[in-house]
Protein backbone atom coordinates (compact mmCIF):
# COMPACT_ATOMS: atom_id res chain seq x y z
CA UNK A 1 103.83 95.93 227.76
CA UNK A 2 100.94 95.83 224.87
CA UNK A 3 100.72 98.85 222.37
CA UNK A 4 97.06 99.41 223.57
CA UNK A 5 97.67 99.72 226.87
CA UNK A 6 100.50 101.98 226.28
CA UNK A 7 98.33 104.64 224.74
CA UNK A 8 95.88 104.16 227.31
CA UNK A 9 98.48 105.34 229.99
CA UNK A 10 99.83 108.28 227.59
CA UNK A 11 96.00 109.59 227.33
CA UNK A 12 95.57 109.57 231.36
CA UNK A 13 98.89 111.21 231.55
CA UNK A 14 97.79 114.03 229.16
CA UNK A 15 94.28 114.13 229.32
CA UNK A 16 93.89 116.92 231.98
CA UNK A 17 95.13 119.21 229.49
CA UNK A 18 92.31 119.20 227.33
CA UNK A 19 89.70 120.54 229.72
CA UNK A 20 91.72 123.76 230.41
CA UNK A 21 92.86 126.60 228.56
CA UNK A 22 96.54 126.51 227.31
CA UNK A 23 99.06 129.07 225.50
CA UNK A 24 100.80 128.11 222.28
CA UNK A 25 103.95 127.30 223.65
CA UNK A 26 102.26 125.00 226.40
CA UNK A 27 100.51 123.06 223.49
CA UNK A 28 103.71 122.84 221.36
CA UNK A 29 105.49 121.39 224.29
CA UNK A 30 102.34 118.74 224.96
CA UNK A 31 102.50 118.04 221.09
CA UNK A 32 106.17 117.12 221.27
CA UNK A 33 105.90 115.19 223.95
CA UNK A 34 103.05 113.20 222.65
CA UNK A 35 104.92 112.83 219.32
CA UNK A 36 108.00 111.13 221.85
CA UNK A 37 105.85 108.66 223.08
CA UNK A 38 104.32 107.44 219.99
CA UNK A 39 107.78 106.83 218.80
CA UNK A 40 108.64 104.82 222.05
CA UNK A 41 105.53 102.78 221.23
CA UNK A 42 106.55 102.25 217.69
CA UNK A 43 109.71 100.64 218.96
CA UNK A 44 108.35 98.46 221.40
CA UNK A 45 107.52 95.42 218.97
CA UNK A 46 111.39 95.77 218.05
CA UNK A 47 112.09 95.42 222.38
CA UNK A 48 112.67 92.24 224.40
CA UNK A 49 111.54 91.42 227.54
CA UNK A 50 114.60 92.78 229.22
CA UNK A 51 113.89 96.57 227.58
CA UNK A 52 110.42 96.24 228.48
CA UNK A 53 110.59 97.55 231.90
CA UNK A 54 112.91 100.19 230.47
CA UNK A 55 110.36 101.57 228.07
CA UNK A 56 108.16 101.46 230.98
CA UNK A 57 110.36 103.74 232.60
CA UNK A 58 110.84 106.14 230.16
CA UNK A 59 106.92 106.19 229.67
CA UNK A 60 106.33 106.95 232.94
CA UNK A 61 109.03 109.78 233.08
CA UNK A 62 107.92 111.78 230.11
CA UNK A 63 103.99 111.68 231.50
CA UNK A 64 105.60 113.20 234.86
CA UNK A 65 107.27 115.97 232.81
CA UNK A 66 104.11 116.62 230.75
CA UNK A 67 102.30 117.00 234.10
CA UNK A 68 104.57 119.23 235.50
CA UNK A 69 105.04 121.07 232.10
CA UNK A 70 100.77 121.45 232.11
CA UNK A 71 99.73 125.27 232.26
CA UNK A 72 97.89 126.81 235.47
CA UNK A 73 93.69 127.27 234.17
CA UNK A 74 93.35 131.14 233.76
CA UNK A 75 91.01 132.18 236.45
CA UNK A 76 89.44 134.95 234.85
CA UNK A 77 88.74 132.37 232.49
CA UNK A 78 87.64 129.48 234.34
CA UNK A 79 84.72 131.81 236.14
CA UNK A 80 83.57 133.08 233.00
CA UNK A 81 82.57 129.85 231.91
CA UNK A 82 81.10 128.65 235.47
CA UNK A 83 79.06 131.76 234.95
CA UNK A 84 77.86 131.06 231.32
CA UNK A 85 76.99 128.00 232.05
CA UNK A 86 75.21 127.21 235.67
CA UNK A 87 73.46 124.55 234.70
CA UNK A 88 76.44 122.05 235.40
CA UNK A 89 77.00 123.09 238.63
CA UNK A 90 73.14 123.02 239.51
CA UNK A 91 72.95 119.66 238.26
CA UNK A 92 76.01 118.26 239.73
CA UNK A 93 74.83 119.71 243.12
CA UNK A 94 71.34 118.10 242.29
CA UNK A 95 72.97 115.04 241.32
CA UNK A 96 75.18 114.67 244.24
CA UNK A 97 72.82 115.49 246.76
CA UNK A 98 70.23 112.80 244.57
CA UNK A 99 72.87 109.89 245.74
CA UNK A 100 73.44 111.00 248.86
CA UNK A 101 69.86 110.54 250.17
CA UNK A 102 69.87 107.13 248.34
CA UNK A 103 72.55 106.39 250.62
CA UNK A 104 71.04 108.00 254.04
CA UNK A 105 68.12 105.95 253.38
CA UNK A 106 69.75 102.52 252.50
CA UNK A 107 71.45 103.09 255.61
CA UNK A 108 68.29 103.90 257.44
CA UNK A 109 66.20 100.88 256.15
CA UNK A 110 69.12 98.55 257.40
CA UNK A 111 69.16 100.05 260.37
CA UNK A 112 65.42 99.77 261.00
CA UNK A 113 65.46 96.15 260.17
CA UNK A 114 68.22 95.89 262.72
CA UNK A 115 66.61 97.65 265.38
CA UNK A 116 63.03 95.92 264.62
CA UNK A 117 62.84 93.46 267.70
CA UNK A 118 63.47 96.01 269.92
CA UNK A 119 60.90 98.82 267.73
CA UNK A 120 58.70 95.98 267.61
CA UNK A 121 58.35 93.05 269.96
CA UNK A 122 59.73 95.16 273.34
CA UNK A 123 57.70 93.53 276.19
CA UNK A 124 57.73 96.25 278.50
CA UNK A 125 55.83 98.84 276.07
CA UNK A 126 52.65 99.25 276.39
CA UNK A 127 49.75 98.83 273.91
CA UNK A 128 46.31 98.92 273.15
CA UNK A 129 44.43 96.95 271.00
CA UNK A 130 45.05 92.84 270.66
CA UNK A 131 48.12 91.45 272.39
CA UNK A 132 48.83 89.07 269.58
CA UNK A 133 47.61 91.35 266.76
CA UNK A 134 49.44 90.72 263.53
CA UNK A 135 49.16 94.27 262.27
CA UNK A 136 51.36 96.53 264.57
CA UNK A 137 51.71 100.16 264.81
CA UNK A 138 54.22 101.79 266.66
CA UNK A 139 53.68 105.35 268.06
CA UNK A 140 56.77 107.59 269.95
CA UNK A 141 54.60 109.43 271.94
CA UNK A 142 54.22 112.30 274.77
CA UNK A 143 50.79 112.91 276.64
CA UNK A 144 51.30 116.87 275.88
CA UNK A 145 51.96 116.67 272.17
CA UNK A 146 49.30 117.99 270.53
CA UNK A 147 49.78 116.35 267.64
CA UNK A 148 49.47 113.04 269.16
CA UNK A 149 46.59 113.97 270.98
CA UNK A 150 44.71 114.95 267.33
CA UNK A 151 46.04 111.08 266.04
CA UNK A 152 45.52 109.58 268.92
CA UNK A 153 41.27 109.36 267.81
CA UNK A 154 42.66 107.78 264.36
CA UNK A 155 44.75 104.98 266.19
CA UNK A 156 41.68 104.17 268.27
CA UNK A 157 39.16 103.99 265.26
CA UNK A 158 41.91 101.58 263.66
CA UNK A 159 42.22 99.29 266.75
CA UNK A 160 38.31 99.06 266.94
CA UNK A 161 38.03 98.20 262.97
CA UNK A 162 40.21 95.67 262.69
CA UNK A 163 40.73 92.68 264.86
CA UNK A 164 43.95 91.91 264.22
CA UNK A 165 45.44 95.93 265.10
CA UNK A 166 47.93 96.32 267.67
CA UNK A 167 48.90 99.62 268.55
CA UNK A 168 52.32 99.77 270.92
CA UNK A 169 53.05 103.02 272.53
CA UNK A 170 56.85 104.24 273.00
CA UNK A 171 56.46 106.56 276.16
CA UNK A 172 58.78 109.32 275.02
CA UNK A 173 58.27 112.30 276.99
CA UNK A 174 60.44 115.12 274.28
CA UNK A 175 58.80 118.34 276.70
CA UNK A 176 61.60 118.10 279.32
CA UNK A 177 60.32 121.64 280.92
CA UNK A 178 56.74 120.25 281.24
CA UNK A 179 56.88 118.19 284.56
CA UNK A 180 53.60 116.49 283.75
CA UNK A 181 54.80 115.05 280.59
CA UNK A 182 57.43 112.49 282.36
CA UNK A 183 54.79 112.19 285.14
CA UNK A 184 52.23 110.83 282.67
CA UNK A 185 54.67 108.50 281.04
CA UNK A 186 56.25 107.36 284.86
CA UNK A 187 52.29 106.63 286.03
CA UNK A 188 51.30 105.27 282.55
CA UNK A 189 54.04 102.51 282.46
CA UNK A 190 53.64 101.85 286.08
CA UNK A 191 49.95 101.08 285.84
CA UNK A 192 50.39 99.06 282.96
CA UNK A 193 53.10 96.48 284.99
CA UNK A 194 50.33 97.12 287.75
CA UNK A 195 47.11 96.02 285.25
CA UNK A 196 47.90 96.12 281.66
CA UNK A 197 43.91 95.97 281.38
CA UNK A 198 43.61 99.61 282.39
CA UNK A 199 46.52 100.99 280.33
CA UNK A 200 44.19 101.54 276.92
CA UNK A 201 41.47 103.63 279.35
CA UNK A 202 44.23 105.83 281.33
CA UNK A 203 45.62 106.30 277.65
CA UNK A 204 42.51 107.56 275.95
CA UNK A 205 41.90 109.28 278.82
CA UNK A 206 45.17 111.44 278.68
CA UNK A 207 45.08 111.60 275.24
CA UNK A 208 41.63 113.55 275.64
CA UNK A 209 42.97 116.15 278.07
CA UNK A 210 44.00 119.43 276.83
CA UNK A 211 45.75 120.81 279.20
CA UNK A 212 47.68 118.32 281.06
CA UNK A 213 48.90 118.52 284.55
CA UNK A 214 50.21 115.95 287.63
CA UNK A 215 46.73 117.04 289.33
CA UNK A 216 44.51 115.66 286.44
CA UNK A 217 47.01 112.63 286.07
CA UNK A 218 46.46 111.69 289.59
CA UNK A 219 42.58 112.30 289.23
CA UNK A 220 43.02 109.61 286.19
CA UNK A 221 44.59 107.48 288.48
CA UNK A 222 42.49 108.10 291.30
CA UNK A 223 39.41 106.88 289.26
CA UNK A 224 40.80 103.23 288.89
CA UNK A 225 40.83 102.99 292.56
CA UNK A 226 44.79 101.72 292.33
CA UNK A 227 46.87 102.46 295.48
CA UNK A 228 49.50 104.92 294.97
CA UNK A 229 52.49 102.59 297.18
CA UNK A 230 51.26 99.78 294.27
CA UNK A 231 52.31 102.47 291.68
CA UNK A 232 55.44 103.58 293.36
CA UNK A 233 56.59 100.13 293.55
CA UNK A 234 56.78 99.95 289.86
CA UNK A 235 58.36 103.06 289.18
CA UNK A 236 62.03 101.76 289.01
CA UNK A 237 60.70 99.98 285.82
CA UNK A 238 58.89 102.55 283.92
CA UNK A 239 62.08 105.09 284.67
CA UNK A 240 64.28 102.36 283.08
CA UNK A 241 61.72 101.96 280.23
CA UNK A 242 61.89 105.73 279.49
CA UNK A 243 65.33 105.62 279.32
CA UNK A 244 65.51 102.78 277.18
CA UNK A 245 63.00 104.43 274.87
CA UNK A 246 64.98 107.14 274.67
CA UNK A 247 67.72 105.13 273.76
CA UNK A 248 65.58 103.69 271.08
CA UNK A 249 64.81 107.11 269.86
CA UNK A 250 68.44 107.99 268.91
CA UNK A 251 69.18 105.19 267.20
CA UNK A 252 66.13 105.52 265.00
CA UNK A 253 66.52 109.24 264.77
CA UNK A 254 63.52 109.89 265.87
CA UNK A 255 63.48 113.76 267.41
CA UNK A 256 59.79 114.39 267.54
CA UNK A 257 56.21 113.04 268.41
CA UNK A 258 53.79 111.24 266.90
CA UNK A 259 56.49 109.31 265.27
CA UNK A 260 54.62 106.32 263.41
CA UNK A 261 56.24 102.83 262.25
CA UNK A 262 54.16 100.32 260.47
CA UNK A 263 55.82 97.05 258.89
CA UNK A 264 58.97 98.72 257.75
CA UNK A 265 58.29 102.10 256.96
CA UNK A 266 58.11 105.12 259.23
CA UNK A 267 54.85 107.34 258.48
CA UNK A 268 53.79 110.60 259.16
CA UNK A 269 52.06 111.55 262.03
CA UNK A 270 49.13 112.43 259.96
CA UNK A 271 48.20 109.02 258.82
CA UNK A 272 44.90 107.79 258.19
CA UNK A 273 42.46 104.41 258.94
CA UNK A 274 42.54 103.65 254.94
CA UNK A 275 46.33 103.98 254.59
CA UNK A 276 46.98 101.45 257.90
CA UNK A 277 44.60 99.20 256.09
CA UNK A 278 46.07 99.64 252.88
CA UNK A 279 49.83 99.03 254.77
CA UNK A 280 48.84 95.67 255.74
CA UNK A 281 47.04 94.72 252.70
CA UNK A 282 49.94 94.68 250.85
């Protein structure tokens, strides 16, 4: 064992005492032990290989004794020290919060990349715009969501302005106490599976209705001259897809609508057309 290593071990064993208040007796005890340990270090050069193990044992024993004799912190003085320097606690908490946020952000980015095929390439999701468009936006929606209705014209303008635009709609009814939310999602998916060309118009019409109910949904469907039985045949597939979207939303921590994704970014529901153009320019 080298002299330098022994000194580090001694410092590690007694270092805690340097940051707390100790009385005179305890300080004297610790200083005596330090002197003894230094004496052991000086002897090391005279010891052969067989006695190194004994020296190591003596050092460890001395350190453990020092730890046991360390004086307890005076709680009142410790409290006063904290109260006098609150910025220390605040800085520590801020650093911890920042580090945790970074860890969470990295974990979410990794998860988003892993789930990218399901998010952007699920053929069972309806869409508006270019079927083969390279500028893909994904939106989780509920037809009774006011914010979704507010965002709808923006996405429609994006599709109109960019020939490469494709907006994938994740039918995600979140208002369980509003029957028309689930019904609109089911009918929208069923219509898409039956005739994809009609879905965009259906989507736009439902988004334009402020107070949506089942009767208004059926009225929109009737305008397409679609047989109700033909739609009903697609309902099992539609229900399966709604459940799949719910599972994906849970994995991505999507808790509300509209939730928008573009490239590998999660966007706010207030995204603008110019912001979308800028994302796909980079």
